[in-house]
Amino acid sequence: MANSAQARKRARQALKHRARNFSQRSELRTAIKKVRKAIATGDKTAAQKVFGESMSTIDTIADKKVIHKNKAARFKSRLSAAIKAL
């Protein structure tokens, strides 16, 4: 357990940040799943539409440093390549 007031405050903040990051990471996974599901249907225009919507989610979460910007770029690149392959 934290002994100083500063350490207790940091522990409280860490719990809040962890909960927020967990929620945003879940939102990211959901966005990626939506695109993969659209790709699986085989409809290229629908997949592009869903991809455009999820790109902003991926960028926002990378900007908030929940995931690294290169990881976000890798997700977007692979999803884009999968759409182009349709």
Protein backbone atom coordinates (compact mmCIF):
# COMPACT_ATOMS: atom_id res chain seq x y z
CA MET A 1 0.00 0.00 0.00
CA ALA A 2 1.15 3.55 -0.72
CA ASN A 3 2.57 5.34 2.31
CA SER A 4 2.73 8.97 1.21
CA ALA A 5 -0.13 11.19 0.10
CA GLN A 6 1.50 11.57 -3.31
CA ALA A 7 1.74 7.80 -3.78
CA ARG A 8 -1.90 7.35 -2.74
CA LYS A 9 -2.98 9.98 -5.27
CA ARG A 10 -0.90 8.36 -8.03
CA ALA A 11 -2.51 5.00 -7.22
CA ARG A 12 -5.98 6.55 -7.54
CA GLN A 13 -5.06 8.20 -10.83
CA ALA A 14 -3.56 4.98 -12.16
CA LEU A 15 -6.87 3.18 -11.59
CA LYS A 16 -8.78 5.86 -13.51
CA HIS A 17 -6.29 5.87 -16.38
CA ARG A 18 -6.29 2.07 -16.54
CA ALA A 19 -10.09 1.98 -16.76
CA ARG A 20 -10.12 4.66 -19.48
CA ASN A 21 -7.38 2.92 -21.48
CA PHE A 22 -9.16 -0.43 -21.16
CA SER A 23 -12.36 1.11 -22.52
CA GLN A 24 -10.59 2.78 -25.44
CA ARG A 25 -8.65 -0.37 -26.31
CA SER A 26 -11.95 -2.25 -26.37
CA GLU A 27 -13.39 0.41 -28.69
CA LEU A 28 -10.37 -0.06 -30.97
CA ARG A 29 -10.83 -3.82 -31.14
CA THR A 30 -14.53 -3.38 -31.94
CA ALA A 31 -13.72 -0.98 -34.79
CA ILE A 32 -11.22 -3.43 -36.28
CA LYS A 33 -13.69 -6.32 -35.96
CA LYS A 34 -16.34 -4.31 -37.80
CA VAL A 35 -13.98 -3.76 -40.74
CA ARG A 36 -12.92 -7.42 -40.82
CA LYS A 37 -16.57 -8.49 -40.75
CA ALA A 38 -17.35 -6.14 -43.66
CA ILE A 39 -14.37 -7.56 -45.59
CA ALA A 40 -15.60 -11.10 -44.93
CA THR A 41 -18.95 -10.31 -46.56
CA GLY A 42 -17.11 -9.48 -49.79
CA ASP A 43 -18.80 -6.11 -50.38
CA LYS A 44 -15.97 -3.72 -51.21
CA THR A 45 -17.97 -0.46 -50.99
CA ALA A 46 -19.44 -1.39 -47.60
CA ALA A 47 -15.99 -2.38 -46.34
CA GLN A 48 -14.52 0.95 -47.50
CA LYS A 49 -17.30 2.85 -45.74
CA VAL A 50 -16.77 1.01 -42.45
CA PHE A 51 -12.99 1.39 -42.84
CA GLY A 52 -13.35 5.16 -43.22
CA GLU A 53 -15.36 5.35 -40.01
CA SER A 54 -12.99 3.16 -38.04
CA MET A 55 -9.86 5.01 -39.26
CA SER A 56 -10.77 8.03 -37.15
CA THR A 57 -11.26 5.80 -34.10
CA ILE A 58 -7.86 4.19 -34.62
CA ASP A 59 -6.16 7.59 -35.07
CA THR A 60 -7.85 9.06 -32.00
CA ILE A 61 -6.75 6.19 -29.78
CA ALA A 62 -3.20 6.46 -31.12
CA ASP A 63 -3.20 10.22 -30.47
CA LYS A 64 -4.18 9.55 -26.86
CA LYS A 65 -1.20 7.15 -26.64
CA VAL A 66 -3.29 4.14 -25.69
CA ILE A 67 -1.50 2.34 -28.52
CA HIS A 68 1.64 3.37 -30.38
CA LYS A 69 1.22 5.36 -33.59
CA ASN A 70 3.11 2.72 -35.58
CA LYS A 71 0.75 0.02 -34.33
CA ALA A 72 -2.20 2.14 -35.47
CA ALA A 73 -0.54 2.61 -38.86
CA ARG A 74 0.03 -1.14 -39.14
CA PHE A 75 -3.66 -1.84 -38.40
CA LYS A 76 -4.78 0.68 -41.01
CA SER A 77 -2.32 -0.60 -43.61
CA ARG A 78 -3.35 -4.24 -43.22
CA LEU A 79 -7.05 -3.45 -43.29
CA SER A 80 -6.59 -1.25 -46.35
CA ALA A 81 -4.62 -3.99 -48.13
CA ALA A 82 -7.36 -6.50 -47.34
CA ILE A 83 -9.98 -4.18 -48.81
CA LYS A 84 -7.93 -3.63 -51.95
CA ALA A 85 -7.56 -7.40 -52.36
CA LEU A 86 -11.36 -7.81 -52.61
